[in-house]
Amino acid sequence: MKKTLLLAASVWVLAGAALAVDAHKPAEADSSKYDKAAVPADRVGLFKPESVTTEGSVTVEGQRVDYRAVAGTLVVHGKDWDDAAWREQAVKDDKDPGDKNAAEASMFYVAYFKKGVPSTDRPITFIYNGGPGSSTVWLHMGAFGPRRVVTKDDTHTPAAPYEVVDNAYSPLDATDLVFIDAPGTGFGRIAGKDKEKAFWGVDQDRDAFDQFIRMFLSKYGRWNSPKYLFGESYGTPRSALVVNSLETAHNVDFNGVMLLSQILNFDLSVDGPEANPGIDTAYVVALPTYAATAWYHNRLPGQRPAELEPFLKQVEQFATGDYAQALGQGAELDPARKQAIAERVSQYTGLPVAYVLKANLRINGGEFEKNLLDDQGLTTGRFDTRFTGEPMDPLSQGIDYDPQSAAISSAYVTAFNDYVRRQLGYGEGQIYKEEIDVFKFWDFKHQPPGAPFPLPGSTNVMPDLASAMKYNPNLKVMLNGGYFDLATPFYEGWYEMHHLPMPVKLQSNIEYHYYQSGHMVYAHQEALKQLHDNMVAFIHGSDNLHR
């Protein structure tokens, strides 16, 4: 999986995308002149909503679930777009609305509705991956869809044909599901004047998903259903933004938010923290994942602890205690104390003491991944450090590709492209864009709650999630993380949650679940089952259906 997410914001700004994104060819306009009666309600611009419906069934942990699947698109616009003003202008100009050139996005989705139950009483969960610039193929084909692709647990999955099976751990037994692709990804496209500015940015992305969800609730009559968000990776800050926007700006309370592989504050990213000197917390929150990885690969000096979790508790205490204090002293750190800290870091990470000292106690994610198994000529994965691969450049300072992405991405993309056309009947003649490079255009400015205008700097949406939880004190949050994830280290999410600017009593609304897996925890089958069970329990405990 190549999901583009999650370099530190300062690194993102420097990275820049190499290629602009192709704009999908707009729907051809009707050549007839328009009057008020002739402007159809579902045709207000360059794209037209569409959908295809099929039926299927899946057995989830012994329970048969019959469902209706809808694959299609909804059309969203920039934040300040006014449909009434647009129609009025179209009539005044006597032009095809397609000529108006307002930026808009056709967002692709696949929805699964359980048959035989009243839809108004049925929970519904909106699901998306992150990037930014990623489609939701990963959660769809690996975690929650009724069909999933089978991949190797921690090694490279052989090429096609891939095995696709009924997903015995789809949460369709507890909730209807809506998989949403971000603007410009999947079968979705963007078009119109300044289209990149309209949709590719922290707040612009929020507004597109906010609008999509409200349109979906109207189209399918689900306003009174228990409602949930499930975001992975960049989908976690998106969830914080969207739930706060829906609740505080549009009076749409949600029952719960489920977060997988969380990062809300990009100052805490261990990808490139050296570009942000003076902020050492990224090294602190990554240390437990370094230790988990060294434990998995049996690189710890001395006897390997029998159990992972108790060992990690020791590392967490050291990371937030002696290690954080040492980093905080900067150049005033006593040399003898620095030596002692380096030895402790070496004991927990398996890295040589000399290397830790050379790095000034500060090792970023790519450096750790490159050096842990360097004596074996291997590098570990970033999204899942259980995976290993041959480095492209043995002399590089950090990793130059992600072995986990290389190991399983083809299986996911191939399986979905086959599934969506053969079983869902959608996409013939179209290209499915699993990822697009948006960083050349991405607007990092964000207007947090209470700010008069968007602020520059690293993305930090902790205030947004706190605002949503204060505004709706019944909102429940579930955090899920993988011990072997170095894209979004598990302890980073824990740290963020315990520093939300909100009353301490609201902390009881948050629950935590961790898995012996990586960023895509569902890529490990045992973790997939655990994730399903935790998700179902979370929904049943918060859907207000009074079973």
Protein backbone atom coordinates (compact mmCIF):
# COMPACT_ATOMS: atom_id res chain seq x y z
CA MET A 1 0.00 0.00 0.00
CA LYS A 2 1.42 3.34 -1.03
CA LYS A 3 -0.94 5.59 0.90
CA THR A 4 0.66 9.00 0.70
CA LEU A 5 -0.10 10.12 4.24
CA LEU A 6 1.83 11.40 6.92
CA LEU A 7 4.98 13.29 6.59
CA ALA A 8 5.35 16.09 9.11
CA ALA A 9 3.62 19.22 7.86
CA SER A 10 6.93 21.02 7.43
CA VAL A 11 8.16 18.16 5.24
CA TRP A 12 4.92 18.11 3.25
CA VAL A 13 5.31 21.75 2.29
CA LEU A 14 8.79 21.06 0.90
CA ALA A 15 7.93 17.79 -0.81
CA GLY A 16 5.62 19.05 -3.57
CA ALA A 17 3.86 16.78 -6.03
CA ALA A 18 5.66 15.99 -9.26
CA LEU A 19 2.57 15.75 -11.44
CA ALA A 20 -0.72 17.57 -11.53
CA VAL A 21 -3.88 15.50 -11.38
CA ASP A 22 -5.81 14.80 -14.52
CA ALA A 23 -9.25 16.39 -14.51
CA HIS A 24 -11.95 13.93 -15.43
CA LYS A 25 -13.76 14.89 -18.58
CA PRO A 26 -16.96 16.66 -17.52
CA ALA A 27 -20.31 15.23 -18.46
CA GLU A 28 -21.42 16.56 -21.81
CA ALA A 29 -23.89 19.37 -21.55
CA ASP A 30 -27.35 19.28 -23.05
CA SER A 31 -27.34 21.57 -26.06
CA SER A 32 -30.82 22.88 -25.32
CA LYS A 33 -31.30 26.30 -23.70
CA TYR A 34 -32.21 26.31 -20.02
CA ASP A 35 -35.07 27.96 -18.28
CA LYS A 36 -36.03 27.55 -14.62
CA ALA A 37 -38.08 24.48 -15.35
CA ALA A 38 -35.41 22.93 -17.53
CA VAL A 39 -32.59 22.91 -14.95
CA PRO A 40 -32.93 19.42 -13.44
CA ALA A 41 -32.49 19.07 -9.70
CA ASP A 42 -29.79 16.42 -10.07
CA ARG A 43 -27.88 18.30 -12.75
CA VAL A 44 -26.50 21.51 -11.38
CA GLY A 45 -23.08 21.61 -12.98
CA LEU A 46 -20.38 19.60 -14.68
CA PHE A 47 -21.10 16.20 -13.13
CA LYS A 48 -24.23 14.15 -12.64
CA PRO A 49 -24.88 11.80 -9.69
CA GLU A 50 -25.20 8.16 -10.68
CA SER A 51 -25.54 4.78 -9.04
CA VAL A 52 -25.79 1.05 -9.68
CA THR A 53 -27.55 -1.32 -7.27
CA THR A 54 -26.78 -5.00 -6.73
CA GLU A 55 -27.54 -7.54 -4.02
CA GLY A 56 -25.48 -10.03 -2.08
CA SER A 57 -25.02 -11.87 1.19
CA VAL A 58 -22.18 -12.60 3.58
CA THR A 59 -21.89 -14.73 6.71
CA VAL A 60 -20.33 -12.75 9.56
CA GLU A 61 -19.16 -14.86 12.51
CA GLY A 62 -21.91 -17.38 11.81
CA GLN A 63 -24.68 -14.87 11.06
CA ARG A 64 -25.96 -14.50 7.49
CA VAL A 65 -26.40 -10.91 6.36
CA ASP A 66 -28.31 -10.18 3.15
CA TYR A 67 -27.54 -6.74 1.79
CA ARG A 68 -28.17 -4.26 -0.98
CA ALA A 69 -25.04 -2.64 -2.42
CA VAL A 70 -25.08 0.75 -4.13
CA ALA A 71 -22.01 1.97 -6.02
CA GLY A 72 -22.18 5.51 -7.31
CA THR A 73 -21.28 9.15 -7.05
CA LEU A 74 -22.60 12.27 -5.37
CA VAL A 75 -21.64 15.76 -6.47
CA VAL A 76 -20.30 18.29 -3.97
CA HIS A 77 -19.12 21.86 -4.37
CA GLY A 78 -16.86 24.36 -2.70
CA LYS A 79 -17.85 25.67 0.71
CA ASP A 80 -19.49 28.90 -0.45
CA TRP A 81 -21.32 27.47 -3.46
CA ASP A 82 -24.99 28.53 -3.59
CA ASP A 83 -27.27 26.34 -5.71
CA ALA A 84 -30.07 28.91 -5.83
CA ALA A 85 -27.75 31.70 -6.98
CA TRP A 86 -26.19 29.35 -9.48
CA ARG A 87 -29.54 28.42 -11.02
CA GLU A 88 -30.64 32.03 -11.13
CA GLN A 89 -27.47 33.02 -12.94
CA ALA A 90 -27.79 30.09 -15.34
CA VAL A 91 -31.27 31.23 -16.33
CA LYS A 92 -30.21 34.88 -16.57
CA ASP A 93 -27.28 34.03 -18.83
CA ASP A 94 -29.40 31.59 -20.84
CA LYS A 95 -26.56 29.07 -20.70
CA ASP A 96 -26.05 25.42 -19.99
CA PRO A 97 -25.19 25.12 -16.30
CA GLY A 98 -22.17 23.10 -17.33
CA ASP A 99 -20.67 26.31 -18.67
CA LYS A 100 -20.72 28.04 -15.30
CA ASN A 101 -17.32 26.62 -14.36
CA ALA A 102 -17.89 26.50 -10.60
CA ALA A 103 -15.53 23.97 -9.01
CA GLU A 104 -17.19 20.70 -8.11
CA ALA A 105 -16.30 17.14 -7.23
CA SER A 106 -17.93 13.86 -8.13
CA MET A 107 -17.22 11.67 -5.08
CA PHE A 108 -17.40 7.91 -5.49
CA TYR A 109 -18.91 5.69 -2.79
CA VAL A 110 -20.05 2.15 -2.17
CA ALA A 111 -22.83 1.68 0.38
CA TYR A 112 -24.02 -1.61 1.89
CA PHE A 113 -27.51 -1.72 3.43
CA LYS A 114 -28.68 -4.76 5.39
CA LYS A 115 -31.95 -6.06 4.00
CA GLY A 116 -34.96 -6.87 6.14
CA VAL A 117 -34.48 -4.25 8.88
CA PRO A 118 -35.99 -0.76 9.25
CA SER A 119 -33.32 1.55 7.89
CA THR A 120 -34.21 4.40 10.24
CA ASP A 121 -33.27 2.24 13.25
CA ARG A 122 -30.14 0.85 11.67
CA PRO A 123 -26.73 2.35 12.57
CA ILE A 124 -24.79 3.72 9.63
CA THR A 125 -21.01 4.20 9.49
CA PHE A 126 -19.15 6.44 7.04
CA ILE A 127 -15.70 4.99 6.30
CA TYR A 128 -12.64 6.45 4.60
CA ASN A 129 -8.89 6.06 4.37
CA GLY A 130 -6.59 9.04 4.36
CA GLY A 131 -3.54 10.13 2.44
CA PRO A 132 -4.46 12.86 1.86
CA GLY A 133 -4.94 11.68 -1.67
CA SER A 134 -5.90 8.08 -0.94
CA SER A 135 -9.05 6.27 -1.94
CA THR A 136 -10.75 3.90 0.49
CA VAL A 137 -9.79 0.70 -1.35
CA TRP A 138 -7.72 -0.41 1.68
CA LEU A 139 -10.48 -0.44 4.30
CA HIS A 140 -12.96 -1.70 1.71
CA MET A 141 -11.02 -4.75 0.51
CA GLY A 142 -9.02 -5.46 3.64
CA ALA A 143 -11.23 -4.73 6.62
CA PHE A 144 -14.94 -4.07 6.35
CA GLY A 145 -16.41 -4.87 2.93
CA PRO A 146 -18.35 -8.12 2.47
CA ARG A 147 -15.49 -9.47 0.38
CA ARG A 148 -11.82 -9.15 1.32
CA VAL A 149 -8.52 -10.02 -0.29
CA VAL A 150 -6.21 -12.48 1.45
CA THR A 151 -2.57 -11.42 1.81
CA LYS A 152 0.50 -12.83 3.50
CA ASP A 153 0.82 -11.85 7.15
CA ASP A 154 4.29 -10.27 7.13
CA THR A 155 5.88 -11.24 3.80
CA HIS A 156 5.37 -10.36 0.14
CA THR A 157 2.11 -11.68 -1.32
CA PRO A 158 2.70 -13.47 -4.66
CA ALA A 159 1.26 -11.89 -7.80
CA ALA A 160 -2.21 -12.59 -9.26
CA PRO A 161 -4.44 -14.43 -9.13
CA TYR A 162 -5.27 -13.23 -5.63
CA GLU A 163 -7.63 -15.00 -3.26
CA VAL A 164 -10.80 -13.04 -2.47
CA VAL A 165 -13.08 -14.50 0.20
CA ASP A 166 -16.28 -13.71 2.05
CA ASN A 167 -15.35 -11.41 4.92
CA ALA A 168 -16.39 -13.16 8.12
CA TYR A 169 -15.43 -10.00 10.05
CA SER A 170 -17.34 -7.35 8.13
CA PRO A 171 -19.24 -5.11 10.61
CA LEU A 172 -22.36 -5.44 8.45
CA ASP A 173 -23.80 -7.48 11.29
CA ALA A 174 -23.98 -4.27 13.36
CA THR A 175 -24.08 -1.32 10.96
CA ASP A 176 -24.71 -0.28 7.39
CA LEU A 177 -21.51 0.83 5.71
CA VAL A 178 -20.63 3.69 3.37
CA PHE A 179 -17.12 3.67 1.87
CA ILE A 180 -16.23 7.15 0.60
CA ASP A 181 -13.39 8.08 -1.74
CA ALA A 182 -11.84 11.53 -1.33
CA PRO A 183 -12.29 14.11 -4.10
CA GLY A 184 -10.23 13.16 -7.14
CA THR A 185 -9.62 9.58 -6.01
CA GLY A 186 -11.28 6.30 -6.97
CA PHE A 187 -13.82 6.89 -9.72
CA GLY A 188 -14.35 10.42 -8.43
CA ARG A 189 -13.10 13.48 -10.29
CA ILE A 190 -12.82 17.21 -9.73
CA ALA A 191 -13.44 19.90 -12.32
CA GLY A 192 -14.15 23.58 -12.72
CA LYS A 193 -12.33 26.80 -11.97
CA ASP A 194 -9.67 26.52 -9.23
CA LYS A 195 -10.75 22.95 -8.56
CA GLU A 196 -7.58 22.08 -6.62
CA LYS A 197 -8.03 25.08 -4.33
CA ALA A 198 -11.64 24.13 -3.77
CA PHE A 199 -11.04 20.55 -2.57
CA TRP A 200 -7.39 19.89 -1.74
CA GLY A 201 -6.65 21.30 1.68
CA VAL A 202 -7.28 20.60 5.34
CA ASP A 203 -10.49 22.62 5.61
CA GLN A 204 -11.55 22.12 1.99
CA ASP A 205 -11.38 18.34 2.41
CA ARG A 206 -13.44 18.66 5.60
CA ASP A 207 -16.10 20.68 3.80
CA ALA A 208 -16.37 18.14 0.96
CA PHE A 209 -16.91 15.21 3.34
CA ASP A 210 -19.28 17.25 5.52
CA GLN A 211 -21.38 18.07 2.45
CA PHE A 212 -21.24 14.52 1.11
CA ILE A 213 -22.50 13.03 4.38
CA ARG A 214 -25.42 15.43 4.62
CA MET A 215 -26.38 14.75 1.01
CA PHE A 216 -26.16 11.01 1.61
CA LEU A 217 -28.40 11.21 4.70
CA SER A 218 -31.00 13.02 2.61
CA LYS A 219 -30.75 10.80 -0.47
CA TYR A 220 -31.17 7.57 1.50
CA GLY A 221 -33.44 8.79 4.30
CA ARG A 222 -30.96 8.16 7.11
CA TRP A 223 -31.15 11.35 9.13
CA ASN A 224 -32.58 9.58 12.18
CA SER A 225 -30.19 6.62 12.11
CA PRO A 226 -27.44 6.24 14.72
CA LYS A 227 -24.43 7.74 12.94
CA TYR A 228 -20.70 6.96 13.10
CA LEU A 229 -17.47 7.99 11.43
CA PHE A 230 -14.58 5.62 10.86
CA GLY A 231 -11.33 7.11 9.60
CA GLU A 232 -7.89 5.59 9.16
CA SER A 233 -4.57 7.47 8.98
CA TYR A 234 -5.26 10.97 7.57
CA GLY A 235 -8.88 9.89 7.95
CA THR A 236 -8.46 10.45 11.71
CA PRO A 237 -7.83 14.21 11.51
CA ARG A 238 -10.53 14.30 8.84
CA SER A 239 -12.93 12.69 11.34
CA ALA A 240 -12.08 15.25 14.02
CA LEU A 241 -12.75 18.05 11.57
CA VAL A 242 -15.91 16.58 10.06
CA VAL A 243 -17.61 15.61 13.32
CA ASN A 244 -16.98 19.05 14.76
CA SER A 245 -18.28 20.74 11.62
CA LEU A 246 -21.39 18.56 11.41
CA GLU A 247 -22.22 19.03 15.08
CA THR A 248 -21.42 22.70 15.64
CA ALA A 249 -22.21 24.17 12.21
CA HIS A 250 -25.03 21.91 10.99
CA ASN A 251 -26.64 20.51 14.16
CA VAL A 252 -25.97 16.88 13.26
CA ASP A 253 -24.88 15.00 16.38
CA PHE A 254 -23.04 11.73 15.95
CA ASN A 255 -23.14 8.72 18.24
CA GLY A 256 -19.50 7.86 17.85
CA VAL A 257 -16.19 8.34 16.09
CA MET A 258 -13.85 5.40 15.45
CA LEU A 259 -10.21 6.23 14.79
CA LEU A 260 -7.63 3.83 13.39
CA SER A 261 -3.92 4.70 13.30
CA GLN A 262 -4.40 8.19 14.62
CA ILE A 263 -2.50 11.42 14.11
CA LEU A 264 -4.19 14.68 15.07
CA ASN A 265 -1.11 16.84 15.67
CA PHE A 266 1.52 16.65 12.94
CA ASP A 267 4.19 18.12 15.19
CA LEU A 268 4.20 14.62 16.73
CA SER A 269 5.02 12.80 13.49
CA VAL A 270 8.29 10.87 13.56
CA ASP A 271 8.65 11.39 9.80
CA GLY A 272 11.16 14.22 9.56
CA PRO A 273 11.04 15.73 13.08
CA GLU A 274 14.58 17.01 12.52
CA ALA A 275 13.01 19.69 10.30
CA ASN A 276 11.24 20.99 13.40
CA PRO A 277 14.08 21.35 15.95
CA GLY A 278 13.13 22.10 19.52
CA ILE A 279 10.03 19.89 19.33
CA ASP A 280 11.22 16.55 20.74
CA THR A 281 7.90 14.90 21.55
CA ALA A 282 7.88 13.02 18.23
CA TYR A 283 10.91 11.01 19.35
CA VAL A 284 9.29 10.31 22.71
CA VAL A 285 6.02 8.91 21.34
CA ALA A 286 7.80 6.82 18.68
CA LEU A 287 10.13 5.04 21.11
CA PRO A 288 7.57 2.39 22.21
CA THR A 289 7.06 1.40 18.54
CA TYR A 290 10.82 1.13 18.05
CA ALA A 291 10.86 -1.19 21.05
CA ALA A 292 7.91 -3.26 19.79
CA THR A 293 9.67 -3.68 16.45
CA ALA A 294 12.95 -4.72 18.05
CA TRP A 295 10.97 -7.21 20.18
CA TYR A 296 9.24 -8.65 17.10
CA HIS A 297 12.51 -9.13 15.20
CA ASN A 298 14.32 -10.43 18.29
CA ARG A 299 16.87 -7.61 18.24
CA LEU A 300 16.73 -6.71 21.93
CA PRO A 301 19.98 -7.32 23.81
CA GLY A 302 19.72 -9.97 26.50
CA GLN A 303 16.70 -12.19 27.04
CA ARG A 304 13.64 -11.28 25.00
CA PRO A 305 10.61 -10.43 27.19
CA ALA A 306 7.98 -13.13 26.93
CA GLU A 307 5.05 -10.70 26.64
CA LEU A 308 4.98 -7.56 24.52
CA GLU A 309 2.50 -5.40 26.43
CA PRO A 310 4.22 -5.37 29.87
CA PHE A 311 7.51 -4.63 28.15
CA LEU A 312 5.97 -1.66 26.33
CA LYS A 313 4.66 -0.22 29.60
CA GLN A 314 8.27 -0.06 30.82
CA VAL A 315 9.32 1.67 27.62
CA GLU A 316 6.48 4.19 27.85
CA GLN A 317 7.52 5.13 31.39
CA PHE A 318 11.12 5.61 30.29
CA ALA A 319 10.09 7.54 27.17
CA THR A 320 7.94 10.08 29.00
CA GLY A 321 10.28 10.20 32.01
CA ASP A 322 14.06 10.03 31.79
CA TYR A 323 14.22 10.12 27.99
CA ALA A 324 11.92 13.14 27.61
CA GLN A 325 13.76 14.99 30.37
CA ALA A 326 17.11 14.32 28.72
CA LEU A 327 15.91 15.58 25.34
CA GLY A 328 14.46 18.64 27.01
CA GLN A 329 17.84 19.59 28.42
CA GLY A 330 19.27 20.01 24.95
CA ALA A 331 22.90 21.14 24.92
CA GLU A 332 22.97 21.29 28.73
CA LEU A 333 22.63 17.53 29.06
CA ASP A 334 25.54 16.15 31.08
CA PRO A 335 27.77 13.85 28.94
CA ALA A 336 27.61 11.04 31.51
CA ARG A 337 23.84 11.34 31.64
CA LYS A 338 23.70 11.33 27.84
CA GLN A 339 25.74 8.12 27.77
CA ALA A 340 23.38 6.48 30.27
CA ILE A 341 20.30 7.51 28.28
CA ALA A 342 21.87 6.23 25.06
CA GLU A 343 22.48 2.86 26.68
CA ARG A 344 18.85 2.66 27.79
CA VAL A 345 17.65 3.59 24.30
CA SER A 346 19.90 0.89 22.88
CA GLN A 347 18.48 -1.69 25.30
CA TYR A 348 14.93 -0.85 24.20
CA THR A 349 15.53 -0.45 20.46
CA GLY A 350 18.35 -2.81 19.55
CA LEU A 351 20.31 0.02 17.93
CA PRO A 352 24.01 0.32 18.78
CA VAL A 353 24.88 2.79 21.54
CA ALA A 354 27.37 4.52 19.23
CA TYR A 355 24.62 5.09 16.65
CA VAL A 356 22.23 6.50 19.27
CA LEU A 357 24.94 8.90 20.47
CA LYS A 358 25.81 9.90 16.90
CA ALA A 359 22.13 10.71 16.35
CA ASN A 360 22.16 12.88 19.49
CA LEU A 361 19.55 10.52 21.03
CA ARG A 362 17.12 11.49 18.27
CA ILE A 363 16.36 8.84 15.64
CA ASN A 364 13.60 9.50 13.12
CA GLY A 365 11.35 6.80 11.73
CA GLY A 366 13.15 6.28 8.45
CA GLU A 367 16.52 5.99 10.18
CA PHE A 368 15.22 3.38 12.58
CA GLU A 369 13.61 1.35 9.79
CA LYS A 370 16.82 1.43 7.78
CA ASN A 371 19.23 0.57 10.61
CA LEU A 372 17.52 -2.01 12.84
CA LEU A 373 18.28 -4.93 10.49
CA ASP A 374 21.03 -3.28 8.48
CA ASP A 375 23.57 -5.95 9.45
CA GLN A 376 21.26 -8.46 7.71
CA GLY A 377 20.99 -6.28 4.61
CA LEU A 378 17.29 -5.60 5.32
CA THR A 379 15.04 -2.66 6.06
CA THR A 380 11.74 -2.84 7.96
CA GLY A 381 8.38 -1.52 6.82
CA ARG A 382 7.00 1.87 7.82
CA PHE A 383 3.30 1.11 7.80
CA ASP A 384 4.02 -2.27 9.38
CA THR A 385 7.48 -2.89 10.79
CA ARG A 386 6.91 -6.66 10.86
CA PHE A 387 7.62 -6.60 7.11
CA THR A 388 11.16 -6.49 5.76
CA GLY A 389 12.74 -5.93 2.35
CA GLU A 390 15.95 -5.29 0.52
CA PRO A 391 16.94 -1.60 0.58
CA MET A 392 17.08 0.08 -2.80
CA ASP A 393 20.23 1.90 -1.71
CA PRO A 394 22.23 0.06 0.98
CA LEU A 395 24.11 3.29 1.77
CA SER A 396 21.04 5.47 2.30
CA GLN A 397 20.46 7.15 5.66
CA GLY A 398 16.80 6.13 5.83
CA ILE A 399 14.38 3.88 4.00
CA ASP A 400 13.72 4.58 0.33
CA TYR A 401 10.49 2.55 -0.01
CA ASP A 402 8.07 0.74 2.28
CA PRO A 403 8.35 -3.08 2.19
CA GLN A 404 4.82 -3.47 3.56
CA SER A 405 3.36 -1.31 0.81
CA ALA A 406 5.30 -3.26 -1.78
CA ALA A 407 4.13 -6.55 -0.26
CA ILE A 408 0.35 -6.09 -0.34
CA SER A 409 -0.68 -3.06 -2.45
CA SER A 410 -1.03 -4.99 -5.69
CA ALA A 411 -3.39 -7.49 -4.06
CA TYR A 412 -5.72 -4.76 -2.76
CA VAL A 413 -5.80 -2.71 -5.95
CA THR A 414 -6.16 -5.69 -8.27
CA ALA A 415 -8.87 -7.34 -6.18
CA PHE A 416 -10.94 -4.18 -5.90
CA ASN A 417 -10.71 -3.36 -9.61
CA ASP A 418 -12.02 -6.84 -10.37
CA TYR A 419 -14.66 -6.82 -7.62
CA VAL A 420 -16.15 -3.41 -8.36
CA ARG A 421 -16.70 -4.27 -12.02
CA ARG A 422 -17.68 -7.94 -11.79
CA GLN A 423 -19.83 -7.87 -8.65
CA LEU A 424 -20.89 -4.26 -8.16
CA GLY A 425 -21.32 -3.55 -11.87
CA TYR A 426 -19.60 -0.18 -11.78
CA GLY A 427 -16.60 1.37 -13.50
CA GLU A 428 -16.55 -0.11 -16.98
CA GLY A 429 -14.34 2.07 -19.16
CA GLN A 430 -13.14 4.15 -16.20
CA ILE A 431 -9.85 4.23 -14.32
CA TYR A 432 -9.93 3.71 -10.57
CA LYS A 433 -7.34 6.00 -8.96
CA GLU A 434 -6.31 4.32 -5.74
CA GLU A 435 -4.07 7.29 -4.94
CA ILE A 436 -3.32 10.71 -6.33
CA ASP A 437 -0.50 13.11 -5.54
CA VAL A 438 -2.12 16.19 -4.01
CA PHE A 439 0.82 17.72 -2.17
CA LYS A 440 1.68 20.25 -4.88
CA PHE A 441 -1.72 21.83 -4.26
CA TRP A 442 -2.53 20.93 -0.65
CA ASP A 443 -3.51 23.88 1.54
CA PHE A 444 -2.20 23.20 5.05
CA LYS A 445 -3.89 26.19 6.68
CA HIS A 446 -6.63 25.31 9.16
CA GLN A 447 -9.10 27.46 11.03
CA PRO A 448 -9.46 25.83 14.47
CA PRO A 449 -12.48 26.47 16.70
CA GLY A 450 -12.44 30.04 17.96
CA ALA A 451 -9.88 31.34 15.46
CA PRO A 452 -10.97 34.29 13.28
CA PHE A 453 -9.26 32.94 10.14
CA PRO A 454 -7.22 29.96 8.91
CA LEU A 455 -3.80 29.70 10.55
CA PRO A 456 -0.55 28.58 8.90
CA GLY A 457 1.66 25.92 10.45
CA SER A 458 1.61 22.21 11.18
CA THR A 459 -1.85 20.67 11.10
CA ASN A 460 -3.27 20.16 14.60
CA VAL A 461 -6.94 19.22 14.92
CA MET A 462 -6.92 18.27 18.59
CA PRO A 463 -8.99 21.41 19.35
CA ASP A 464 -11.59 20.28 16.80
CA LEU A 465 -12.13 16.88 18.39
CA ALA A 466 -12.22 18.47 21.84
CA SER A 467 -14.77 21.00 20.59
CA ALA A 468 -17.00 18.23 19.22
CA MET A 469 -16.82 16.32 22.51
CA LYS A 470 -17.62 19.41 24.57
CA TYR A 471 -20.47 20.42 22.25
CA ASN A 472 -21.89 16.88 22.39
CA PRO A 473 -20.88 15.41 25.78
CA ASN A 474 -22.42 12.06 24.79
CA LEU A 475 -20.09 11.61 21.80
CA LYS A 476 -18.09 8.41 22.18
CA VAL A 477 -14.64 7.90 20.67
CA MET A 478 -12.76 4.65 20.03
CA LEU A 479 -9.03 4.76 19.30
CA ASN A 480 -7.41 1.76 17.59
CA GLY A 481 -3.70 1.36 16.94
CA GLY A 482 -1.11 -1.17 15.84
CA TYR A 483 2.02 -1.76 17.90
CA PHE A 484 4.13 -2.07 14.73
CA ASP A 485 2.98 1.12 13.00
CA LEU A 486 5.68 3.76 12.42
CA ALA A 487 3.55 5.96 10.16
CA THR A 488 1.34 6.82 13.14
CA PRO A 489 2.89 5.28 16.27
CA PHE A 490 0.31 3.89 18.67
CA TYR A 491 1.59 5.86 21.65
CA GLU A 492 1.29 9.08 19.68
CA GLY A 493 -2.48 8.60 19.54
CA TRP A 494 -2.60 7.84 23.27
CA TYR A 495 -0.58 10.98 23.98
CA GLU A 496 -2.85 13.15 21.86
CA MET A 497 -6.01 11.87 23.49
CA HIS A 498 -4.65 12.58 26.95
CA HIS A 499 -3.82 16.15 25.95
CA LEU A 500 -7.14 17.15 24.40
CA PRO A 501 -8.16 20.61 25.63
CA MET A 502 -11.37 19.54 27.34
CA PRO A 503 -12.65 18.68 30.84
CA VAL A 504 -11.06 15.57 32.34
CA LYS A 505 -14.49 14.00 32.88
CA LEU A 506 -14.91 13.67 29.10
CA GLN A 507 -11.90 11.33 28.99
CA SER A 508 -14.27 8.57 30.08
CA ASN A 509 -15.93 8.83 26.64
CA ILE A 510 -12.74 7.52 25.00
CA GLU A 511 -11.77 3.85 24.77
CA TYR A 512 -8.49 2.36 23.54
CA HIS A 513 -7.66 -0.83 21.65
CA TYR A 514 -4.24 -1.98 20.48
CA TYR A 515 -3.24 -4.85 18.22
CA GLN A 516 -0.11 -6.82 17.36
CA SER A 517 -0.23 -5.50 13.82
CA GLY A 518 0.72 -2.38 11.91
CA HIS A 519 -0.92 0.72 10.44
CA MET A 520 -3.45 -1.45 8.60
CA VAL A 521 -4.19 -3.57 11.66
CA TYR A 522 -6.65 -5.61 9.59
CA ALA A 523 -3.80 -6.99 7.45
CA HIS A 524 -3.23 -9.42 10.35
CA GLN A 525 -6.27 -11.73 10.49
CA GLU A 526 -6.35 -12.16 14.26
CA ALA A 527 -6.29 -8.37 14.64
CA LEU A 528 -9.07 -8.07 12.05
CA LYS A 529 -11.34 -10.24 14.17
CA GLN A 530 -10.47 -8.23 17.28
CA LEU A 531 -11.16 -4.99 15.43
CA HIS A 532 -14.56 -6.29 14.29
CA ASP A 533 -15.53 -7.38 17.80
CA ASN A 534 -14.39 -4.08 19.34
CA MET A 535 -16.22 -2.09 16.69
CA VAL A 536 -19.48 -4.00 17.16
CA ALA A 537 -19.30 -3.64 20.94
CA PHE A 538 -18.64 0.10 20.57
CA ILE A 539 -21.65 0.57 18.30
CA HIS A 540 -23.97 -1.51 20.45
CA GLY A 541 -22.90 0.50 23.49
CA SER A 542 -23.59 3.88 21.91
CA ASP A 543 -26.36 3.54 19.29
CA ASN A 544 -29.21 4.37 21.75
CA LEU A 545 -31.34 1.54 20.42
CA HIS A 546 -31.95 0.09 23.91
CA ARG A 547 -31.59 -3.57 23.02
